[in-house]
């Protein structure tokens, strides 16, 4: 875990782990808030593979297991007592019913072990309480708004997901893409945590616009025990 300061409080980035579903890029990480003993994750997109399978596009059917395994490891690593999932938790509202028994048992065990709050997203706006835990549109934690999609113009501290940000850089003639968080003085967009989630360039106009107002916007990610910070946007002097 890599510590950094956000709105006067210590936060820690929890590294992602390499997925086993065909992608070479590391899966997205999570955010741990020590003072609140809270683990925050975004965009799990559980049961994405089964959603596409219904339309004949066959993907490895183990995405939910893998995502939940990584989530269990993050809870164990951090000692979190609360989990806040920031929307697009399932790939669609029918995802809960499609969980195969093993994955359903994993999820049930996790939601019993810790306090669990689901924040709904655009993929699962009618998420049922059958998933376990509490389901809300958005909430606040110690004065910080937790919602699915960053709200342009928001001036209160905010944590969100939705955009699946990734840092894209050119190095030694190679194009490298890594899941990252996007941070300003008062707002953070978390990377997608799910095993089968793609990503959007963190420097895209859509992400930078959603983060306004800000004086500076950076991509941040953990690497070998330290925080890497890449400037994405600076306000004109």
C-alpha atoms as a PDB file:
ATOM      1  CA  UNK A   1       0.000   0.000   0.000  1.00  0.00           C
ATOM      2  CA  UNK A   2       1.203   3.506  -0.854  1.00  0.00           C
ATOM      3  CA  UNK A   3       0.144   6.409   1.389  1.00  0.00           C
ATOM      4  CA  UNK A   4      -0.724   9.903   0.210  1.00  0.00           C
ATOM      5  CA  UNK A   5      -2.661  12.884   1.518  1.00  0.00           C
ATOM      6  CA  UNK A   6      -6.163  13.826   0.405  1.00  0.00           C
ATOM      7  CA  UNK A   7      -8.103  16.699   1.967  1.00  0.00           C
ATOM      8  CA  UNK A   8      -5.899  16.570   5.050  1.00  0.00           C
ATOM      9  CA  UNK A   9      -6.361  12.846   5.633  1.00  0.00           C
ATOM     10  CA  UNK A  10      -4.126   9.880   4.871  1.00  0.00           C
ATOM     11  CA  UNK A  11      -5.246   7.566   2.086  1.00  0.00           C
ATOM     12  CA  UNK A  12      -3.495   4.502   0.731  1.00  0.00           C
ATOM     13  CA  UNK A  13      -3.538   3.087  -2.778  1.00  0.00           C
ATOM     14  CA  UNK A  14      -3.845  -0.678  -2.819  1.00  0.00           C
ATOM     15  CA  UNK A  15      -2.013  -2.174  -5.792  1.00  0.00           C
ATOM     16  CA  UNK A  16      -3.871  -4.091  -8.438  1.00  0.00           C
ATOM     17  CA  UNK A  17      -2.861  -7.632  -9.316  1.00  0.00           C
ATOM     18  CA  UNK A  18      -2.296  -9.201 -12.748  1.00  0.00           C
ATOM     19  CA  UNK A  19      -5.562 -10.633 -14.116  1.00  0.00           C
ATOM     20  CA  UNK A  20      -5.861 -14.169 -15.421  1.00  0.00           C
ATOM     21  CA  UNK A  21      -8.405 -13.433 -18.137  1.00  0.00           C
ATOM     22  CA  UNK A  22      -6.178 -12.557 -21.081  1.00  0.00           C
ATOM     23  CA  UNK A  23      -5.211  -8.943 -20.432  1.00  0.00           C
ATOM     24  CA  UNK A  24      -1.543  -8.108 -19.915  1.00  0.00           C
ATOM     25  CA  UNK A  25      -2.235  -4.886 -18.032  1.00  0.00           C
ATOM     26  CA  UNK A  26      -2.613  -5.047 -14.237  1.00  0.00           C
ATOM     27  CA  UNK A  27      -6.144  -4.873 -12.917  1.00  0.00           C
ATOM     28  CA  UNK A  28      -7.151  -1.679 -11.174  1.00  0.00           C
ATOM     29  CA  UNK A  29      -6.470  -1.137  -7.511  1.00  0.00           C
ATOM     30  CA  UNK A  30      -8.485   0.135  -4.577  1.00  0.00           C
ATOM     31  CA  UNK A  31      -8.341   2.977  -2.078  1.00  0.00           C
ATOM     32  CA  UNK A  32      -7.995   2.396   1.660  1.00  0.00           C
ATOM     33  CA  UNK A  33      -8.964   5.103   4.153  1.00  0.00           C
ATOM     34  CA  UNK A  34      -7.262   4.112   7.418  1.00  0.00           C
ATOM     35  CA  UNK A  35      -9.068   6.506   9.756  1.00  0.00           C
ATOM     36  CA  UNK A  36     -12.441   5.225   8.523  1.00  0.00           C
ATOM     37  CA  UNK A  37     -11.213   1.614   8.207  1.00  0.00           C
ATOM     38  CA  UNK A  38     -12.866   1.730   4.788  1.00  0.00           C
ATOM     39  CA  UNK A  39     -11.906   0.086   1.522  1.00  0.00           C
ATOM     40  CA  UNK A  40     -13.267   1.793  -1.598  1.00  0.00           C
ATOM     41  CA  UNK A  41     -13.516   0.064  -4.960  1.00  0.00           C
ATOM     42  CA  UNK A  42     -15.166   1.083  -8.221  1.00  0.00           C
ATOM     43  CA  UNK A  43     -16.600  -0.636 -11.267  1.00  0.00           C
ATOM     44  CA  UNK A  44     -16.489  -4.313 -10.336  1.00  0.00           C
ATOM     45  CA  UNK A  45     -18.763  -5.151 -13.298  1.00  0.00           C
ATOM     46  CA  UNK A  46     -19.540  -8.556 -11.812  1.00  0.00           C
ATOM     47  CA  UNK A  47     -21.098 -11.031 -14.257  1.00  0.00           C
ATOM     48  CA  UNK A  48     -19.911  -9.150 -17.329  1.00  0.00           C
ATOM     49  CA  UNK A  49     -18.916 -12.402 -19.029  1.00  0.00           C
ATOM     50  CA  UNK A  50     -22.334 -13.978 -18.518  1.00  0.00           C
ATOM     51  CA  UNK A  51     -23.987 -10.817 -19.855  1.00  0.00           C
ATOM     52  CA  UNK A  52     -22.086 -11.093 -23.144  1.00  0.00           C
ATOM     53  CA  UNK A  53     -22.572 -14.861 -23.274  1.00  0.00           C
ATOM     54  CA  UNK A  54     -26.319 -14.338 -23.604  1.00  0.00           C
ATOM     55  CA  UNK A  55     -25.622 -12.531 -26.890  1.00  0.00           C
ATOM     56  CA  UNK A  56     -23.305 -15.284 -28.122  1.00  0.00           C
ATOM     57  CA  UNK A  57     -20.011 -13.592 -27.290  1.00  0.00           C
ATOM     58  CA  UNK A  58     -18.249 -16.186 -25.194  1.00  0.00           C
ATOM     59  CA  UNK A  59     -15.782 -14.982 -22.559  1.00  0.00           C
ATOM     60  CA  UNK A  60     -14.132 -16.950 -19.729  1.00  0.00           C
ATOM     61  CA  UNK A  61     -16.956 -17.316 -17.185  1.00  0.00           C
ATOM     62  CA  UNK A  62     -14.812 -16.731 -14.100  1.00  0.00           C
ATOM     63  CA  UNK A  63     -14.647 -12.930 -13.959  1.00  0.00           C
ATOM     64  CA  UNK A  64     -16.799 -12.656 -10.834  1.00  0.00           C
ATOM     65  CA  UNK A  65     -14.722 -15.241  -8.972  1.00  0.00           C
ATOM     66  CA  UNK A  66     -11.489 -13.482  -9.871  1.00  0.00           C
ATOM     67  CA  UNK A  67     -12.779 -10.038  -8.924  1.00  0.00           C
ATOM     68  CA  UNK A  68     -14.156 -11.286  -5.594  1.00  0.00           C
ATOM     69  CA  UNK A  69     -10.918 -13.137  -4.834  1.00  0.00           C
ATOM     70  CA  UNK A  70      -8.930  -9.942  -5.384  1.00  0.00           C
ATOM     71  CA  UNK A  71     -11.413  -8.007  -3.273  1.00  0.00           C
ATOM     72  CA  UNK A  72     -11.098 -10.526  -0.429  1.00  0.00           C
ATOM     73  CA  UNK A  73      -7.309 -10.184  -0.581  1.00  0.00           C
ATOM     74  CA  UNK A  74      -7.575  -6.385  -0.437  1.00  0.00           C
ATOM     75  CA  UNK A  75      -9.821  -6.602   2.634  1.00  0.00           C
ATOM     76  CA  UNK A  76      -7.354  -8.956   4.292  1.00  0.00           C
ATOM     77  CA  UNK A  77      -4.352  -6.807   3.374  1.00  0.00           C
ATOM     78  CA  UNK A  78      -5.874  -3.597   4.699  1.00  0.00           C
ATOM     79  CA  UNK A  79      -7.864  -4.945   7.622  1.00  0.00           C
ATOM     80  CA  UNK A  80     -10.846  -2.924   6.376  1.00  0.00           C
ATOM     81  CA  UNK A  81     -14.053  -3.179   8.351  1.00  0.00           C
ATOM     82  CA  UNK A  82     -16.155  -1.370   5.755  1.00  0.00           C
ATOM     83  CA  UNK A  83     -16.383  -1.642   1.968  1.00  0.00           C
ATOM     84  CA  UNK A  84     -17.881   1.010  -0.286  1.00  0.00           C
ATOM     85  CA  UNK A  85     -18.420  -0.100  -3.892  1.00  0.00           C
ATOM     86  CA  UNK A  86     -18.783   2.999  -6.067  1.00  0.00           C
ATOM     87  CA  UNK A  87     -21.226   1.870  -8.731  1.00  0.00           C
ATOM     88  CA  UNK A  88     -21.362  -0.412 -11.760  1.00  0.00           C
ATOM     89  CA  UNK A  89     -20.977  -3.187  -9.247  1.00  0.00           C
ATOM     90  CA  UNK A  90     -22.711  -5.622 -11.598  1.00  0.00           C
ATOM     91  CA  UNK A  91     -22.616  -5.279 -15.359  1.00  0.00           C
ATOM     92  CA  UNK A  92     -26.429  -5.144 -15.387  1.00  0.00           C
ATOM     93  CA  UNK A  93     -29.312  -5.358 -12.947  1.00  0.00           C
ATOM     94  CA  UNK A  94     -29.726  -9.084 -13.627  1.00  0.00           C
ATOM     95  CA  UNK A  95     -26.173  -9.890 -12.607  1.00  0.00           C
ATOM     96  CA  UNK A  96     -27.022 -10.864  -9.032  1.00  0.00           C
ATOM     97  CA  UNK A  97     -29.352 -13.616 -10.236  1.00  0.00           C
ATOM     98  CA  UNK A  98     -26.723 -14.947 -12.682  1.00  0.00           C
ATOM     99  CA  UNK A  99     -23.973 -15.469 -10.085  1.00  0.00           C
ATOM    100  CA  UNK A 100     -22.976 -19.127 -10.093  1.00  0.00           C
ATOM    101  CA  UNK A 101     -23.110 -20.805  -6.658  1.00  0.00           C
ATOM    102  CA  UNK A 102     -19.403 -20.491  -5.858  1.00  0.00           C
ATOM    103  CA  UNK A 103     -19.233 -16.769  -6.650  1.00  0.00           C
ATOM    104  CA  UNK A 104     -22.557 -16.181  -4.883  1.00  0.00           C
ATOM    105  CA  UNK A 105     -21.170 -17.864  -1.785  1.00  0.00           C
ATOM    106  CA  UNK A 106     -18.007 -15.756  -1.940  1.00  0.00           C
ATOM    107  CA  UNK A 107     -20.028 -12.558  -2.157  1.00  0.00           C
ATOM    108  CA  UNK A 108     -22.340 -13.592   0.660  1.00  0.00           C
ATOM    109  CA  UNK A 109     -19.361 -14.341   2.902  1.00  0.00           C
ATOM    110  CA  UNK A 110     -17.750 -10.969   2.150  1.00  0.00           C
ATOM    111  CA  UNK A 111     -20.894  -8.945   2.776  1.00  0.00           C
ATOM    112  CA  UNK A 112     -21.394 -10.736   6.091  1.00  0.00           C
ATOM    113  CA  UNK A 113     -17.778 -10.249   7.186  1.00  0.00           C
ATOM    114  CA  UNK A 114     -17.686  -6.454   6.847  1.00  0.00           C
ATOM    115  CA  UNK A 115     -20.088  -3.545   6.653  1.00  0.00           C
ATOM    116  CA  UNK A 116     -20.923  -3.259   2.945  1.00  0.00           C
ATOM    117  CA  UNK A 117     -22.411  -0.355   0.996  1.00  0.00           C
ATOM    118  CA  UNK A 118     -23.294  -0.594  -2.703  1.00  0.00           C
ATOM    119  CA  UNK A 119     -23.590   2.728  -4.547  1.00  0.00           C
ATOM    120  CA  UNK A 120     -25.580   2.215  -7.738  1.00  0.00           C
ATOM    121  CA  UNK A 121     -24.179   3.123 -11.156  1.00  0.00           C
ATOM    122  CA  UNK A 122     -25.422   3.505 -14.687  1.00  0.00           C
ATOM    123  CA  UNK A 123     -25.052  -0.257 -15.311  1.00  0.00           C
ATOM    124  CA  UNK A 124     -26.950  -1.320 -12.190  1.00  0.00           C
ATOM    125  CA  UNK A 125     -29.400   1.488 -11.327  1.00  0.00           C
ATOM    126  CA  UNK A 126     -31.928  -0.944  -9.826  1.00  0.00           C
ATOM    127  CA  UNK A 127     -29.505  -3.103  -7.871  1.00  0.00           C
ATOM    128  CA  UNK A 128     -31.454  -5.238  -5.408  1.00  0.00           C
ATOM    129  CA  UNK A 129     -30.570  -5.857  -1.775  1.00  0.00           C
ATOM    130  CA  UNK A 130     -30.228  -9.536  -2.732  1.00  0.00           C
ATOM    131  CA  UNK A 131     -26.566  -8.681  -3.274  1.00  0.00           C
ATOM    132  CA  UNK A 132     -26.183  -8.222   0.486  1.00  0.00           C
ATOM    133  CA  UNK A 133     -25.277  -5.066   2.345  1.00  0.00           C
ATOM    134  CA  UNK A 134     -26.921  -1.664   1.884  1.00  0.00           C
ATOM    135  CA  UNK A 135     -27.833  -0.132  -1.487  1.00  0.00           C
ATOM    136  CA  UNK A 136     -27.785   3.685  -1.880  1.00  0.00           C
ATOM    137  CA  UNK A 137     -27.731   6.285  -4.664  1.00  0.00           C
ATOM    138  CA  UNK A 138     -24.773   8.067  -3.059  1.00  0.00           C
ATOM    139  CA  UNK A 139     -23.557   8.766   0.452  1.00  0.00           C
ATOM    140  CA  UNK A 140     -21.075  10.779   2.516  1.00  0.00           C
ATOM    141  CA  UNK A 141     -18.240   9.576   4.692  1.00  0.00           C
ATOM    142  CA  UNK A 142     -16.669  12.100   7.057  1.00  0.00           C
ATOM    143  CA  UNK A 143     -17.665  14.966   4.761  1.00  0.00           C
ATOM    144  CA  UNK A 144     -16.511  13.271   1.533  1.00  0.00           C
ATOM    145  CA  UNK A 145     -19.178  12.517  -1.085  1.00  0.00           C
ATOM    146  CA  UNK A 146     -19.124   8.968  -2.437  1.00  0.00           C
ATOM    147  CA  UNK A 147     -20.881   8.596  -5.781  1.00  0.00           C
ATOM    148  CA  UNK A 148     -20.535   6.681  -9.023  1.00  0.00           C
ATOM    149  CA  UNK A 149     -19.754   9.458 -11.503  1.00  0.00           C
ATOM    150  CA  UNK A 150     -17.834  12.641 -10.757  1.00  0.00           C
ATOM    151  CA  UNK A 151     -20.147  15.636 -10.939  1.00  0.00           C
ATOM    152  CA  UNK A 152     -18.653  18.530 -12.915  1.00  0.00           C
ATOM    153  CA  UNK A 153     -18.788  21.689 -10.829  1.00  0.00           C
ATOM    154  CA  UNK A 154     -18.758  19.834  -7.501  1.00  0.00           C
ATOM    155  CA  UNK A 155     -16.734  21.761  -4.922  1.00  0.00           C
ATOM    156  CA  UNK A 156     -17.096  19.365  -1.963  1.00  0.00           C
ATOM    157  CA  UNK A 157     -14.572  16.540  -1.521  1.00  0.00           C
ATOM    158  CA  UNK A 158     -15.622  13.625  -3.732  1.00  0.00           C
ATOM    159  CA  UNK A 159     -14.633  10.032  -4.491  1.00  0.00           C
ATOM    160  CA  UNK A 160     -16.070   8.342  -7.582  1.00  0.00           C
ATOM    161  CA  UNK A 161     -15.504   5.795 -10.349  1.00  0.00           C
ATOM    162  CA  UNK A 162     -17.274   5.312 -13.715  1.00  0.00           C
ATOM    163  CA  UNK A 163     -14.502   6.328 -16.137  1.00  0.00           C
ATOM    164  CA  UNK A 164     -12.074   3.391 -15.680  1.00  0.00           C
ATOM    165  CA  UNK A 165      -9.050   5.733 -15.969  1.00  0.00           C
ATOM    166  CA  UNK A 166      -5.730   4.418 -17.223  1.00  0.00           C
ATOM    167  CA  UNK A 167      -2.417   6.161 -17.715  1.00  0.00           C
ATOM    168  CA  UNK A 168      -1.090   5.878 -21.266  1.00  0.00           C
ATOM    169  CA  UNK A 169       2.585   6.750 -21.859  1.00  0.00           C
ATOM    170  CA  UNK A 170       5.214   6.177 -24.535  1.00  0.00           C
ATOM    171  CA  UNK A 171       8.476   4.692 -23.246  1.00  0.00           C
ATOM    172  CA  UNK A 172      11.374   3.457 -25.376  1.00  0.00           C
ATOM    173  CA  UNK A 173       9.147   3.204 -28.392  1.00  0.00           C
ATOM    174  CA  UNK A 174       6.494   1.233 -26.544  1.00  0.00           C
ATOM    175  CA  UNK A 175       2.992   2.300 -25.600  1.00  0.00           C
ATOM    176  CA  UNK A 176       2.332   1.402 -21.975  1.00  0.00           C
ATOM    177  CA  UNK A 177      -1.132   1.486 -20.386  1.00  0.00           C
ATOM    178  CA  UNK A 178      -1.780   1.062 -16.660  1.00  0.00           C
ATOM    179  CA  UNK A 179      -4.888   1.485 -14.533  1.00  0.00           C
ATOM    180  CA  UNK A 180      -4.607   4.588 -12.360  1.00  0.00           C
ATOM    181  CA  UNK A 181      -6.541   6.947 -10.151  1.00  0.00           C
ATOM    182  CA  UNK A 182      -7.095  10.547 -11.223  1.00  0.00           C
ATOM    183  CA  UNK A 183      -6.721  13.096  -8.445  1.00  0.00           C
ATOM    184  CA  UNK A 184      -7.091  16.816  -7.841  1.00  0.00           C
ATOM    185  CA  UNK A 185      -6.983  18.762  -4.581  1.00  0.00           C
ATOM    186  CA  UNK A 186     -10.472  17.638  -3.558  1.00  0.00           C
ATOM    187  CA  UNK A 187     -11.519  14.831  -5.876  1.00  0.00           C
ATOM    188  CA  UNK A 188     -10.404  11.339  -6.863  1.00  0.00           C
ATOM    189  CA  UNK A 189     -11.685   9.053  -9.630  1.00  0.00           C
ATOM    190  CA  UNK A 190     -10.793   5.443  -8.825  1.00  0.00           C
ATOM    191  CA  UNK A 191      -9.685   2.908 -11.441  1.00  0.00           C
ATOM    192  CA  UNK A 192     -11.971   0.043 -12.376  1.00  0.00           C
ATOM    193  CA  UNK A 193     -11.418  -2.938 -10.077  1.00  0.00           C
ATOM    194  CA  UNK A 194     -13.205  -5.617 -12.094  1.00  0.00           C
ATOM    195  CA  UNK A 195     -11.379  -8.386 -13.940  1.00  0.00           C
ATOM    196  CA  UNK A 196     -13.030  -7.718 -17.325  1.00  0.00           C
ATOM    197  CA  UNK A 197     -13.051  -3.918 -17.368  1.00  0.00           C
ATOM    198  CA  UNK A 198     -11.425  -1.817 -20.059  1.00  0.00           C
ATOM    199  CA  UNK A 199     -10.208   1.716 -19.596  1.00  0.00           C
ATOM    200  CA  UNK A 200     -10.266   5.325 -20.764  1.00  0.00           C
ATOM    201  CA  UNK A 201      -7.157   7.456 -21.195  1.00  0.00           C
ATOM    202  CA  UNK A 202      -6.824   9.463 -17.979  1.00  0.00           C
ATOM    203  CA  UNK A 203      -5.909  12.533 -20.025  1.00  0.00           C
ATOM    204  CA  UNK A 204      -9.139  12.413 -22.033  1.00  0.00           C
ATOM    205  CA  UNK A 205     -11.248  15.556 -22.251  1.00  0.00           C
ATOM    206  CA  UNK A 206     -14.191  13.704 -20.708  1.00  0.00           C
ATOM    207  CA  UNK A 207     -12.286  12.868 -17.524  1.00  0.00           C
ATOM    208  CA  UNK A 208     -10.555  16.238 -17.196  1.00  0.00           C
ATOM    209  CA  UNK A 209     -13.874  18.052 -17.676  1.00  0.00           C
ATOM    210  CA  UNK A 210     -15.582  15.907 -15.054  1.00  0.00           C
ATOM    211  CA  UNK A 211     -12.848  16.820 -12.538  1.00  0.00           C
ATOM    212  CA  UNK A 212     -13.399  20.575 -12.795  1.00  0.00           C
ATOM    213  CA  UNK A 213     -13.047  22.836 -10.896  1.00  0.00           C
ATOM    214  CA  UNK A 214      -9.409  22.071 -10.101  1.00  0.00           C
ATOM    215  CA  UNK A 215      -6.066  23.835 -10.162  1.00  0.00           C
ATOM    216  CA  UNK A 216      -4.184  20.626 -11.013  1.00  0.00           C
ATOM    217  CA  UNK A 217      -5.141  17.102 -12.061  1.00  0.00           C
ATOM    218  CA  UNK A 218      -2.758  14.132 -11.852  1.00  0.00           C
ATOM    219  CA  UNK A 219      -2.745  10.434 -12.615  1.00  0.00           C
ATOM    220  CA  UNK A 220      -1.561   8.534  -9.548  1.00  0.00           C
ATOM    221  CA  UNK A 221      -0.675   4.871  -9.162  1.00  0.00           C
ATOM    222  CA  UNK A 222       1.482   2.708  -6.898  1.00  0.00           C
ATOM    223  CA  UNK A 223       4.686   1.162  -8.218  1.00  0.00           C
ATOM    224  CA  UNK A 224       7.243  -0.785  -6.194  1.00  0.00           C
ATOM    225  CA  UNK A 225       6.116   0.750  -2.920  1.00  0.00           C
ATOM    226  CA  UNK A 226       6.070   4.370  -4.027  1.00  0.00           C
ATOM    227  CA  UNK A 227       3.549   6.776  -5.471  1.00  0.00           C
ATOM    228  CA  UNK A 228       3.919   7.658  -9.151  1.00  0.00           C
ATOM    229  CA  UNK A 229       2.330  10.970 -10.076  1.00  0.00           C
ATOM    230  CA  UNK A 230       1.905  12.150 -13.686  1.00  0.00           C
ATOM    231  CA  UNK A 231       0.558  15.651 -14.412  1.00  0.00           C
ATOM    232  CA  UNK A 232      -2.489  15.561 -16.695  1.00  0.00           C
ATOM    233  CA  UNK A 233      -3.713  19.173 -16.513  1.00  0.00           C
ATOM    234  CA  UNK A 234      -2.696  22.471 -14.906  1.00  0.00           C
ATOM    235  CA  UNK A 235      -4.735  25.650 -14.649  1.00  0.00           C
ATOM    236  CA  UNK A 236      -3.338  28.572 -16.620  1.00  0.00           C
ATOM    237  CA  UNK A 237      -1.270  30.939 -14.470  1.00  0.00           C
END
